[in-house]
Amino acid sequence: MLLADALTADSIGRRLGISTRTVHKHVENLYRKLGTRDRVGTVLRAQRLGLLPSRGPRERRPAGRADGAVSR
């Protein structure tokens, strides 16, 4: 889930090739279906439900490119 990567709606849209508006509509639907009100709550709820794997502090992607690759 790209929400868990803390990407903006604009970044998510560019990555998926969809508009920012479409990203917002999908996020709204996630909130409704999971009964949440914000991104953090949505990610945590998805993890608790087993819809998204939990990440420990060392499992986060390194800062850098949106695709997770590290620039050298």
PDB file of N, CA and C in Angstrom:
ATOM      1  N   MET A   1       0.856  -1.167   0.000  1.00  0.00           N
ATOM      2  CA  MET A   1       0.000   0.000   0.000  1.00  0.00           C
ATOM      3  C   MET A   1       0.898   1.225   0.000  1.00  0.00           C
ATOM      4  N   LEU A   2       0.719   2.065  -0.969  1.00  0.00           N
ATOM      5  CA  LEU A   2       1.570   3.239  -1.102  1.00  0.00           C
ATOM      6  C   LEU A   2       1.323   4.257   0.004  1.00  0.00           C
ATOM      7  N   LEU A   3       0.172   4.204   0.635  1.00  0.00           N
ATOM      8  CA  LEU A   3      -0.062   5.089   1.791  1.00  0.00           C
ATOM      9  C   LEU A   3       0.943   4.796   2.894  1.00  0.00           C
ATOM     10  N   ALA A   4       1.298   3.552   3.053  1.00  0.00           N
ATOM     11  CA  ALA A   4       2.243   3.159   4.102  1.00  0.00           C
ATOM     12  C   ALA A   4       3.646   3.672   3.813  1.00  0.00           C
ATOM     13  N   ASP A   5       3.930   4.002   2.576  1.00  0.00           N
ATOM     14  CA  ASP A   5       5.235   4.549   2.212  1.00  0.00           C
ATOM     15  C   ASP A   5       5.288   6.059   2.407  1.00  0.00           C
ATOM     16  N   ALA A   6       4.226   6.641   2.930  1.00  0.00           N
ATOM     17  CA  ALA A   6       4.128   8.081   3.219  1.00  0.00           C
ATOM     18  C   ALA A   6       4.300   8.935   1.966  1.00  0.00           C
ATOM     19  N   LEU A   7       3.821   8.438   0.833  1.00  0.00           N
ATOM     20  CA  LEU A   7       3.874   9.218  -0.394  1.00  0.00           C
ATOM     21  C   LEU A   7       2.675  10.156  -0.459  1.00  0.00           C
ATOM     22  N   THR A   8       2.856  11.293  -1.100  1.00  0.00           N
ATOM     23  CA  THR A   8       1.746  12.220  -1.296  1.00  0.00           C
ATOM     24  C   THR A   8       0.814  11.662  -2.362  1.00  0.00           C
ATOM     25  N   ALA A   9      -0.383  12.206  -2.427  1.00  0.00           N
ATOM     26  CA  ALA A   9      -1.336  11.778  -3.453  1.00  0.00           C
ATOM     27  C   ALA A   9      -0.765  12.050  -4.843  1.00  0.00           C
ATOM     28  N   ASP A  10      -0.056  13.155  -4.990  1.00  0.00           N
ATOM     29  CA  ASP A  10       0.549  13.484  -6.270  1.00  0.00           C
ATOM     30  C   ASP A  10       1.605  12.442  -6.652  1.00  0.00           C
ATOM     31  N   SER A  11       2.433  12.051  -5.690  1.00  0.00           N
ATOM     32  CA  SER A  11       3.468  11.041  -5.949  1.00  0.00           C
ATOM     33  C   SER A  11       2.853   9.688  -6.276  1.00  0.00           C
ATOM     34  N   ILE A  12       1.813   9.329  -5.547  1.00  0.00           N
ATOM     35  CA  ILE A  12       1.131   8.061  -5.807  1.00  0.00           C
ATOM     36  C   ILE A  12       0.532   8.073  -7.209  1.00  0.00           C
ATOM     37  N   GLY A  13      -0.106   9.181  -7.570  1.00  0.00           N
ATOM     38  CA  GLY A  13      -0.706   9.302  -8.898  1.00  0.00           C
ATOM     39  C   GLY A  13       0.315   9.162 -10.002  1.00  0.00           C
ATOM     40  N   ARG A  14       1.459   9.848  -9.849  1.00  0.00           N
ATOM     41  CA  ARG A  14       2.520   9.738 -10.869  1.00  0.00           C
ATOM     42  C   ARG A  14       3.028   8.307 -10.969  1.00  0.00           C
ATOM     43  N   ARG A  15       3.199   7.680  -9.831  1.00  0.00           N
ATOM     44  CA  ARG A  15       3.729   6.311  -9.805  1.00  0.00           C
ATOM     45  C   ARG A  15       2.784   5.323 -10.481  1.00  0.00           C
ATOM     46  N   LEU A  16       1.469   5.537 -10.300  1.00  0.00           N
ATOM     47  CA  LEU A  16       0.475   4.625 -10.860  1.00  0.00           C
ATOM     48  C   LEU A  16      -0.069   5.072 -12.216  1.00  0.00           C
ATOM     49  N   GLY A  17       0.291   6.283 -12.622  1.00  0.00           N
ATOM     50  CA  GLY A  17      -0.203   6.803 -13.893  1.00  0.00           C
ATOM     51  C   GLY A  17      -1.663   7.199 -13.842  1.00  0.00           C
ATOM     52  N   ILE A  18      -2.112   7.694 -12.686  1.00  0.00           N
ATOM     53  CA  ILE A  18      -3.496   8.154 -12.526  1.00  0.00           C
ATOM     54  C   ILE A  18      -3.482   9.569 -11.961  1.00  0.00           C
ATOM     55  N   SER A  19      -4.617  10.241 -12.012  1.00  0.00           N
ATOM     56  CA  SER A  19      -4.687  11.616 -11.526  1.00  0.00           C
ATOM     57  C   SER A  19      -4.709  11.664 -10.001  1.00  0.00           C
ATOM     58  N   THR A  20      -4.318  12.819  -9.483  1.00  0.00           N
ATOM     59  CA  THR A  20      -4.357  13.037  -8.035  1.00  0.00           C
ATOM     60  C   THR A  20      -5.785  12.895  -7.522  1.00  0.00           C
ATOM     61  N   ARG A  21      -6.728  13.363  -8.295  1.00  0.00           N
ATOM     62  CA  ARG A  21      -8.148  13.257  -7.918  1.00  0.00           C
ATOM     63  C   ARG A  21      -8.557  11.784  -7.767  1.00  0.00           C
ATOM     64  N   THR A  22      -8.101  10.950  -8.674  1.00  0.00           N
ATOM     65  CA  THR A  22      -8.411   9.520  -8.601  1.00  0.00           C
ATOM     66  C   THR A  22      -7.787   8.905  -7.354  1.00  0.00           C
ATOM     67  N   VAL A  23      -6.572   9.316  -7.027  1.00  0.00           N
ATOM     68  CA  VAL A  23      -5.923   8.827  -5.800  1.00  0.00           C
ATOM     69  C   VAL A  23      -6.773   9.200  -4.597  1.00  0.00           C
ATOM     70  N   HIS A  24      -7.219  10.461  -4.535  1.00  0.00           N
ATOM     71  CA  HIS A  24      -8.038  10.906  -3.406  1.00  0.00           C
ATOM     72  C   HIS A  24      -9.334  10.098  -3.293  1.00  0.00           C
ATOM     73  N   LYS A  25      -9.953   9.780  -4.420  1.00  0.00           N
ATOM     74  CA  LYS A  25     -11.192   8.991  -4.384  1.00  0.00           C
ATOM     75  C   LYS A  25     -10.919   7.578  -3.872  1.00  0.00           C
ATOM     76  N   HIS A  26      -9.817   6.975  -4.287  1.00  0.00           N
ATOM     77  CA  HIS A  26      -9.474   5.636  -3.796  1.00  0.00           C
ATOM     78  C   HIS A  26      -9.183   5.676  -2.298  1.00  0.00           C
ATOM     79  N   VAL A  27      -8.483   6.706  -1.845  1.00  0.00           N
ATOM     80  CA  VAL A  27      -8.172   6.839  -0.419  1.00  0.00           C
ATOM     81  C   VAL A  27      -9.464   7.027   0.375  1.00  0.00           C
ATOM     82  N   GLU A  28     -10.375   7.845  -0.123  1.00  0.00           N
ATOM     83  CA  GLU A  28     -11.678   8.024   0.540  1.00  0.00           C
ATOM     84  C   GLU A  28     -12.394   6.686   0.680  1.00  0.00           C
ATOM     85  N   ASN A  29     -12.359   5.877  -0.369  1.00  0.00           N
ATOM     86  CA  ASN A  29     -13.005   4.562  -0.320  1.00  0.00           C
ATOM     87  C   ASN A  29     -12.342   3.648   0.700  1.00  0.00           C
ATOM     88  N   LEU A  30     -11.015   3.727   0.806  1.00  0.00           N
ATOM     89  CA  LEU A  30     -10.319   2.949   1.841  1.00  0.00           C
ATOM     90  C   LEU A  30     -10.766   3.378   3.228  1.00  0.00           C
ATOM     91  N   TYR A  31     -10.842   4.686   3.454  1.00  0.00           N
ATOM     92  CA  TYR A  31     -11.297   5.195   4.755  1.00  0.00           C
ATOM     93  C   TYR A  31     -12.682   4.640   5.082  1.00  0.00           C
ATOM     94  N   ARG A  32     -13.577   4.712   4.083  1.00  0.00           N
ATOM     95  CA  ARG A  32     -14.953   4.251   4.304  1.00  0.00           C
ATOM     96  C   ARG A  32     -14.987   2.760   4.605  1.00  0.00           C
ATOM     97  N   LYS A  33     -14.278   1.968   3.825  1.00  0.00           N
ATOM     98  CA  LYS A  33     -14.321   0.516   3.992  1.00  0.00           C
ATOM     99  C   LYS A  33     -13.652   0.054   5.279  1.00  0.00           C
ATOM    100  N   LEU A  34     -12.608   0.766   5.702  1.00  0.00           N
ATOM    101  CA  LEU A  34     -11.897   0.365   6.918  1.00  0.00           C
ATOM    102  C   LEU A  34     -12.390   1.109   8.155  1.00  0.00           C
ATOM    103  N   GLY A  35     -13.296   2.062   7.965  1.00  0.00           N
ATOM    104  CA  GLY A  35     -13.840   2.814   9.090  1.00  0.00           C
ATOM    105  C   GLY A  35     -12.802   3.710   9.745  1.00  0.00           C
ATOM    106  N   THR A  36     -11.947   4.316   8.939  1.00  0.00           N
ATOM    107  CA  THR A  36     -10.896   5.181   9.460  1.00  0.00           C
ATOM    108  C   THR A  36     -11.093   6.607   8.969  1.00  0.00           C
ATOM    109  N   ARG A  37     -10.273   7.520   9.517  1.00  0.00           N
ATOM    110  CA  ARG A  37     -10.420   8.929   9.158  1.00  0.00           C
ATOM    111  C   ARG A  37      -9.156   9.571   8.639  1.00  0.00           C
ATOM    112  N   ASP A  38      -8.040   8.867   8.729  1.00  0.00           N
ATOM    113  CA  ASP A  38      -6.783   9.441   8.248  1.00  0.00           C
ATOM    114  C   ASP A  38      -5.850   8.345   7.768  1.00  0.00           C
ATOM    115  N   ARG A  39      -4.737   8.767   7.168  1.00  0.00           N
ATOM    116  CA  ARG A  39      -3.805   7.809   6.569  1.00  0.00           C
ATOM    117  C   ARG A  39      -3.171   6.887   7.601  1.00  0.00           C
ATOM    118  N   VAL A  40      -2.747   7.455   8.710  1.00  0.00           N
ATOM    119  CA  VAL A  40      -2.086   6.634   9.736  1.00  0.00           C
ATOM    120  C   VAL A  40      -3.050   5.579  10.268  1.00  0.00           C
ATOM    121  N   GLY A  41      -4.262   6.001  10.593  1.00  0.00           N
ATOM    122  CA  GLY A  41      -5.259   5.059  11.083  1.00  0.00           C
ATOM    123  C   GLY A  41      -5.584   3.980  10.067  1.00  0.00           C
ATOM    124  N   THR A  42      -5.597   4.358   8.798  1.00  0.00           N
ATOM    125  CA  THR A  42      -5.892   3.419   7.729  1.00  0.00           C
ATOM    126  C   THR A  42      -4.788   2.368   7.602  1.00  0.00           C
ATOM    127  N   VAL A  43      -3.530   2.815   7.641  1.00  0.00           N
ATOM    128  CA  VAL A  43      -2.401   1.889   7.546  1.00  0.00           C
ATOM    129  C   VAL A  43      -2.383   0.952   8.751  1.00  0.00           C
ATOM    130  N   LEU A  44      -2.571   1.497   9.940  1.00  0.00           N
ATOM    131  CA  LEU A  44      -2.561   0.667  11.150  1.00  0.00           C
ATOM    132  C   LEU A  44      -3.694  -0.351  11.133  1.00  0.00           C
ATOM    133  N   ARG A  45      -4.880   0.081  10.716  1.00  0.00           N
ATOM    134  CA  ARG A  45      -6.028  -0.839  10.656  1.00  0.00           C
ATOM    135  C   ARG A  45      -5.771  -1.945   9.632  1.00  0.00           C
ATOM    136  N   ALA A  46      -5.232  -1.578   8.468  1.00  0.00           N
ATOM    137  CA  ALA A  46      -4.932  -2.580   7.435  1.00  0.00           C
ATOM    138  C   ALA A  46      -3.906  -3.588   7.952  1.00  0.00           C
ATOM    139  N   GLN A  47      -2.938  -3.127   8.729  1.00  0.00           N
ATOM    140  CA  GLN A  47      -1.948  -4.038   9.312  1.00  0.00           C
ATOM    141  C   GLN A  47      -2.606  -4.971  10.320  1.00  0.00           C
ATOM    142  N   ARG A  48      -3.459  -4.423  11.175  1.00  0.00           N
ATOM    143  CA  ARG A  48      -4.145  -5.257  12.182  1.00  0.00           C
ATOM    144  C   ARG A  48      -5.031  -6.311  11.538  1.00  0.00           C
ATOM    145  N   LEU A  49      -5.633  -5.968  10.404  1.00  0.00           N
ATOM    146  CA  LEU A  49      -6.512  -6.909   9.702  1.00  0.00           C
ATOM    147  C   LEU A  49      -5.743  -7.900   8.832  1.00  0.00           C
ATOM    148  N   GLY A  50      -4.440  -7.748   8.755  1.00  0.00           N
ATOM    149  CA  GLY A  50      -3.626  -8.632   7.935  1.00  0.00           C
ATOM    150  C   GLY A  50      -3.671  -8.298   6.452  1.00  0.00           C
ATOM    151  N   LEU A  51      -4.170  -7.109   6.107  1.00  0.00           N
ATOM    152  CA  LEU A  51      -4.239  -6.685   4.711  1.00  0.00           C
ATOM    153  C   LEU A  51      -2.923  -6.092   4.233  1.00  0.00           C
ATOM    154  N   LEU A  52      -2.090  -5.727   5.194  1.00  0.00           N
ATOM    155  CA  LEU A  52      -0.819  -5.079   4.906  1.00  0.00           C
ATOM    156  C   LEU A  52       0.193  -5.587   5.917  1.00  0.00           C
ATOM    157  N   PRO A  53       1.355  -6.018   5.464  1.00  0.00           N
ATOM    158  CA  PRO A  53       2.347  -6.505   6.435  1.00  0.00           C
ATOM    159  C   PRO A  53       2.837  -5.375   7.329  1.00  0.00           C
ATOM    160  N   SER A  54       3.094  -5.698   8.571  1.00  0.00           N
ATOM    161  CA  SER A  54       3.641  -4.716   9.503  1.00  0.00           C
ATOM    162  C   SER A  54       5.107  -4.521   9.187  1.00  0.00           C
ATOM    163  N   ARG A  55       5.573  -3.308   9.361  1.00  0.00           N
ATOM    164  CA  ARG A  55       6.981  -3.000   9.146  1.00  0.00           C
ATOM    165  C   ARG A  55       7.584  -2.533  10.446  1.00  0.00           C
ATOM    166  N   GLY A  56       8.726  -3.082  10.761  1.00  0.00           N
ATOM    167  CA  GLY A  56       9.474  -2.596  11.910  1.00  0.00           C
ATOM    168  C   GLY A  56      10.279  -1.387  11.499  1.00  0.00           C
ATOM    169  N   PRO A  57      10.904  -0.711  12.451  1.00  0.00           N
ATOM    170  CA  PRO A  57      11.672   0.495  12.136  1.00  0.00           C
ATOM    171  C   PRO A  57      12.790   0.247  11.121  1.00  0.00           C
ATOM    172  N   ARG A  58      13.364  -0.938  11.113  1.00  0.00           N
ATOM    173  CA  ARG A  58      14.468  -1.217  10.194  1.00  0.00           C
ATOM    174  C   ARG A  58      13.985  -1.652   8.818  1.00  0.00           C
ATOM    175  N   GLU A  59      12.698  -1.872   8.659  1.00  0.00           N
ATOM    176  CA  GLU A  59      12.184  -2.358   7.389  1.00  0.00           C
ATOM    177  C   GLU A  59      11.702  -1.241   6.481  1.00  0.00           C
ATOM    178  N   ARG A  60      11.738  -0.010   6.932  1.00  0.00           N
ATOM    179  CA  ARG A  60      11.286   1.098   6.106  1.00  0.00           C
ATOM    180  C   ARG A  60      12.236   1.304   4.954  1.00  0.00           C
ATOM    181  N   ARG A  61      11.702   1.854   3.877  1.00  0.00           N
ATOM    182  CA  ARG A  61      12.533   2.114   2.706  1.00  0.00           C
ATOM    183  C   ARG A  61      13.486   3.262   3.008  1.00  0.00           C
ATOM    184  N   PRO A  62      14.682   3.215   2.440  1.00  0.00           N
ATOM    185  CA  PRO A  62      15.614   4.310   2.651  1.00  0.00           C
ATOM    186  C   PRO A  62      15.135   5.567   1.928  1.00  0.00           C
ATOM    187  N   ALA A  63      15.528   6.720   2.441  1.00  0.00           N
ATOM    188  CA  ALA A  63      15.166   7.980   1.786  1.00  0.00           C
ATOM    189  C   ALA A  63      15.820   7.994   0.413  1.00  0.00           C
ATOM    190  N   GLY A  64      15.157   8.572  -0.531  1.00  0.00           N
ATOM    191  CA  GLY A  64      15.720   8.611  -1.864  1.00  0.00           C
ATOM    192  C   GLY A  64      14.615   8.600  -2.894  1.00  0.00           C
ATOM    193  N   ARG A  65      14.800   7.837  -3.922  1.00  0.00           N
ATOM    194  CA  ARG A  65      13.851   7.818  -5.014  1.00  0.00           C
ATOM    195  C   ARG A  65      12.536   7.183  -4.608  1.00  0.00           C
ATOM    196  N   ALA A  66      11.467   7.568  -5.318  1.00  0.00           N
ATOM    197  CA  ALA A  66      10.122   7.060  -5.017  1.00  0.00           C
ATOM    198  C   ALA A  66      10.004   5.558  -5.228  1.00  0.00           C
ATOM    199  N   ASP A  67      10.884   4.983  -6.069  1.00  0.00           N
ATOM    200  CA  ASP A  67      10.800   3.550  -6.323  1.00  0.00           C
ATOM    201  C   ASP A  67      11.559   2.734  -5.275  1.00  0.00           C
ATOM    202  N   GLY A  68      12.126   3.436  -4.279  1.00  0.00           N
ATOM    203  CA  GLY A  68      12.814   2.744  -3.203  1.00  0.00           C
ATOM    204  C   GLY A  68      14.287   2.530  -3.472  1.00  0.00           C
ATOM    205  N   ALA A  69      14.730   2.831  -4.691  1.00  0.00           N
ATOM    206  CA  ALA A  69      16.160   2.671  -5.004  1.00  0.00           C
ATOM    207  C   ALA A  69      16.944   3.811  -4.355  1.00  0.00           C
ATOM    208  N   VAL A  70      18.142   3.526  -3.971  1.00  0.00           N
ATOM    209  CA  VAL A  70      18.991   4.525  -3.326  1.00  0.00           C
ATOM    210  C   VAL A  70      19.953   5.084  -4.370  1.00  0.00           C
ATOM    211  N   SER A  71      19.988   6.405  -4.467  1.00  0.00           N
ATOM    212  CA  SER A  71      20.926   7.047  -5.391  1.00  0.00           C
ATOM    213  C   SER A  71      22.324   7.011  -4.811  1.00  0.00           C
ATOM    214  N   ARG A  72      23.309   6.834  -5.647  1.00  0.00           N
ATOM    215  CA  ARG A  72      24.702   6.816  -5.182  1.00  0.00           C
ATOM    216  C   ARG A  72      25.476   7.932  -5.799  1.00  0.00           C
TER     217      ARG A  72
END
